[in-house]
Amino acid sequence: MSTILSTTLSDASSAGISLELFDSAAVSVSTAGITSITYDWSDEGGNIVNGRSNVTVPVANPVLIKLTSADTKIGTVGYRILTVSWLYNDSELGAGQVKVEEYFVPINNFVNV
């Protein structure tokens, strides 16, 4: 299931998206328990935008996904899809678990207003 982010980005502007990562028991994962974090940035059709596929970000929780103005430039559709994956130690399932979360990121479409 995808989550719609409550923050709306501006068309063609730099932005940062901060997300907290949780394990299977809805417990915030400690930074020490995270091995790696990657993300994909795609359009409504699932097409990768600006080569943002399997991008590695520094391990942190919350994690900060930095986007450029080219990443947030849209045409007629008012959102992008952010898919975040992390390898971590789960409080119930043990070490080496992979979790993937998908977020719909609204973007104000100022070009077509």
C-alpha atoms as a PDB file:
ATOM      1  CA  MET A   1       0.000   0.000   0.000  1.00  0.00           C
ATOM      2  CA  SER A   2       1.270   3.451  -0.863  1.00  0.00           C
ATOM      3  CA  THR A   3       1.322   6.461   1.405  1.00  0.00           C
ATOM      4  CA  ILE A   4       0.400   9.937   0.165  1.00  0.00           C
ATOM      5  CA  LEU A   5       2.777  12.461   1.703  1.00  0.00           C
ATOM      6  CA  SER A   6       1.065  15.405   3.352  1.00  0.00           C
ATOM      7  CA  THR A   7       3.732  17.853   2.161  1.00  0.00           C
ATOM      8  CA  THR A   8       3.326  19.185  -1.377  1.00  0.00           C
ATOM      9  CA  LEU A   9       6.467  20.089  -3.312  1.00  0.00           C
ATOM     10  CA  SER A  10       6.709  22.982  -5.756  1.00  0.00           C
ATOM     11  CA  ASP A  11       7.135  22.363  -9.471  1.00  0.00           C
ATOM     12  CA  ALA A  12      10.775  22.661 -10.598  1.00  0.00           C
ATOM     13  CA  SER A  13      12.227  23.463  -7.169  1.00  0.00           C
ATOM     14  CA  SER A  14      14.782  21.731  -4.962  1.00  0.00           C
ATOM     15  CA  ALA A  15      13.385  19.873  -1.967  1.00  0.00           C
ATOM     16  CA  GLY A  16      14.144  17.432   0.788  1.00  0.00           C
ATOM     17  CA  ILE A  17      11.813  14.686   1.969  1.00  0.00           C
ATOM     18  CA  SER A  18      12.383  13.405   5.490  1.00  0.00           C
ATOM     19  CA  LEU A  19      10.995   9.946   6.294  1.00  0.00           C
ATOM     20  CA  GLU A  20      11.121   7.838   9.429  1.00  0.00           C
ATOM     21  CA  LEU A  21      11.765   4.127   8.872  1.00  0.00           C
ATOM     22  CA  PHE A  22       9.850   1.494  10.858  1.00  0.00           C
ATOM     23  CA  ASP A  23      10.229  -2.255  11.208  1.00  0.00           C
ATOM     24  CA  SER A  24       7.506  -4.920  10.930  1.00  0.00           C
ATOM     25  CA  ALA A  25       6.284  -4.171  14.469  1.00  0.00           C
ATOM     26  CA  ALA A  26       5.937  -0.432  13.698  1.00  0.00           C
ATOM     27  CA  VAL A  27       9.003   0.319  15.830  1.00  0.00           C
ATOM     28  CA  SER A  28      11.364   3.040  14.596  1.00  0.00           C
ATOM     29  CA  VAL A  29      14.561   1.358  13.366  1.00  0.00           C
ATOM     30  CA  SER A  30      17.749   2.577  15.051  1.00  0.00           C
ATOM     31  CA  THR A  31      20.377   3.977  12.714  1.00  0.00           C
ATOM     32  CA  ALA A  32      22.798   1.343  14.020  1.00  0.00           C
ATOM     33  CA  GLY A  33      20.394  -1.363  12.841  1.00  0.00           C
ATOM     34  CA  ILE A  34      20.212  -0.107   9.235  1.00  0.00           C
ATOM     35  CA  THR A  35      22.710  -1.495   6.728  1.00  0.00           C
ATOM     36  CA  SER A  36      21.700   0.440   3.609  1.00  0.00           C
ATOM     37  CA  ILE A  37      19.007   2.730   2.178  1.00  0.00           C
ATOM     38  CA  THR A  38      18.201   3.303  -1.498  1.00  0.00           C
ATOM     39  CA  TYR A  39      15.422   5.016  -3.425  1.00  0.00           C
ATOM     40  CA  ASP A  40      13.794   5.235  -6.843  1.00  0.00           C
ATOM     41  CA  TRP A  41      12.031   8.367  -8.153  1.00  0.00           C
ATOM     42  CA  SER A  42       9.481   7.698 -10.885  1.00  0.00           C
ATOM     43  CA  ASP A  43       6.544   9.172 -12.740  1.00  0.00           C
ATOM     44  CA  GLU A  44       2.925   7.964 -12.733  1.00  0.00           C
ATOM     45  CA  GLY A  45       3.781   5.270 -15.302  1.00  0.00           C
ATOM     46  CA  GLY A  46       6.633   3.842 -13.240  1.00  0.00           C
ATOM     47  CA  ASN A  47       9.296   5.371 -15.503  1.00  0.00           C
ATOM     48  CA  ILE A  48      12.444   6.423 -13.652  1.00  0.00           C
ATOM     49  CA  VAL A  49      12.948  10.211 -13.567  1.00  0.00           C
ATOM     50  CA  ASN A  50      16.443  11.693 -14.081  1.00  0.00           C
ATOM     51  CA  GLY A  51      18.187   8.354 -13.596  1.00  0.00           C
ATOM     52  CA  ARG A  52      17.077   8.215  -9.950  1.00  0.00           C
ATOM     53  CA  SER A  53      17.058   4.420  -9.697  1.00  0.00           C
ATOM     54  CA  ASN A  54      18.614   2.548  -6.784  1.00  0.00           C
ATOM     55  CA  VAL A  55      20.174   5.775  -5.462  1.00  0.00           C
ATOM     56  CA  THR A  56      22.110   5.183  -2.239  1.00  0.00           C
ATOM     57  CA  VAL A  57      21.582   7.691   0.571  1.00  0.00           C
ATOM     58  CA  PRO A  58      23.459   8.020   3.875  1.00  0.00           C
ATOM     59  CA  VAL A  59      22.171   5.691   6.579  1.00  0.00           C
ATOM     60  CA  ALA A  60      20.048   7.708   9.013  1.00  0.00           C
ATOM     61  CA  ASN A  61      16.640   7.562  10.627  1.00  0.00           C
ATOM     62  CA  PRO A  62      14.861   9.717   9.775  1.00  0.00           C
ATOM     63  CA  VAL A  63      16.353   9.556   6.280  1.00  0.00           C
ATOM     64  CA  LEU A  64      16.565  12.643   4.075  1.00  0.00           C
ATOM     65  CA  ILE A  65      15.915  12.255   0.343  1.00  0.00           C
ATOM     66  CA  LYS A  66      17.319  15.284  -1.519  1.00  0.00           C
ATOM     67  CA  LEU A  67      15.704  16.267  -4.810  1.00  0.00           C
ATOM     68  CA  THR A  68      16.794  18.808  -7.410  1.00  0.00           C
ATOM     69  CA  SER A  69      14.626  21.162  -9.452  1.00  0.00           C
ATOM     70  CA  ALA A  70      14.973  18.761 -12.405  1.00  0.00           C
ATOM     71  CA  ASP A  71      13.535  15.956 -10.228  1.00  0.00           C
ATOM     72  CA  THR A  72      10.421  17.934  -9.306  1.00  0.00           C
ATOM     73  CA  LYS A  73       9.730  19.405 -12.755  1.00  0.00           C
ATOM     74  CA  ILE A  74       6.440  17.953 -13.958  1.00  0.00           C
ATOM     75  CA  GLY A  75       4.219  18.329 -17.000  1.00  0.00           C
ATOM     76  CA  THR A  76       0.523  17.632 -16.584  1.00  0.00           C
ATOM     77  CA  VAL A  77       0.612  15.119 -13.710  1.00  0.00           C
ATOM     78  CA  GLY A  78       0.775  16.485 -10.168  1.00  0.00           C
ATOM     79  CA  TYR A  79       2.776  13.779  -8.407  1.00  0.00           C
ATOM     80  CA  ARG A  80       5.840  11.539  -8.440  1.00  0.00           C
ATOM     81  CA  ILE A  81       6.395   8.169  -6.805  1.00  0.00           C
ATOM     82  CA  LEU A  82       9.183   7.724  -4.252  1.00  0.00           C
ATOM     83  CA  THR A  83      10.104   4.113  -3.508  1.00  0.00           C
ATOM     84  CA  VAL A  84      12.429   3.674  -0.520  1.00  0.00           C
ATOM     85  CA  SER A  85      14.126   0.356   0.325  1.00  0.00           C
ATOM     86  CA  TRP A  86      16.226  -0.446   3.345  1.00  0.00           C
ATOM     87  CA  LEU A  87      18.176  -3.420   4.685  1.00  0.00           C
ATOM     88  CA  TYR A  88      17.922  -3.570   8.470  1.00  0.00           C
ATOM     89  CA  ASN A  89      17.735  -5.629  11.656  1.00  0.00           C
ATOM     90  CA  ASP A  90      14.089  -6.208  12.592  1.00  0.00           C
ATOM     91  CA  SER A  91      12.979  -6.314  16.249  1.00  0.00           C
ATOM     92  CA  GLU A  92      10.865  -9.433  15.576  1.00  0.00           C
ATOM     93  CA  LEU A  93      12.184 -11.017  12.367  1.00  0.00           C
ATOM     94  CA  GLY A  94      15.934 -10.694  12.991  1.00  0.00           C
ATOM     95  CA  ALA A  95      18.863  -9.394  10.974  1.00  0.00           C
ATOM     96  CA  GLY A  96      19.083  -8.848   7.240  1.00  0.00           C
ATOM     97  CA  GLN A  97      15.471  -7.886   6.512  1.00  0.00           C
ATOM     98  CA  VAL A  98      14.494  -5.808   3.471  1.00  0.00           C
ATOM     99  CA  LYS A  99      11.568  -3.411   3.594  1.00  0.00           C
ATOM    100  CA  VAL A 100      10.185  -1.375   0.697  1.00  0.00           C
ATOM    101  CA  GLU A 101       7.771   1.548   1.082  1.00  0.00           C
ATOM    102  CA  GLU A 102       6.132   3.534  -1.715  1.00  0.00           C
ATOM    103  CA  TYR A 103       5.076   7.171  -1.338  1.00  0.00           C
ATOM    104  CA  PHE A 104       3.005   9.383  -3.628  1.00  0.00           C
ATOM    105  CA  VAL A 105       4.601  12.841  -3.571  1.00  0.00           C
ATOM    106  CA  PRO A 106       2.226  15.672  -4.615  1.00  0.00           C
ATOM    107  CA  ILE A 107       3.779  18.459  -6.662  1.00  0.00           C
ATOM    108  CA  ASN A 108       2.142  21.837  -7.338  1.00  0.00           C
ATOM    109  CA  ASN A 109       1.884  22.153 -11.092  1.00  0.00           C
ATOM    110  CA  PHE A 110       2.526  25.876 -11.564  1.00  0.00           C
ATOM    111  CA  VAL A 111       3.404  25.526 -15.254  1.00  0.00           C
ATOM    112  CA  ASN A 112      -0.127  24.527 -16.279  1.00  0.00           C
ATOM    113  CA  VAL A 113      -2.113  26.839 -13.992  1.00  0.00           C
END
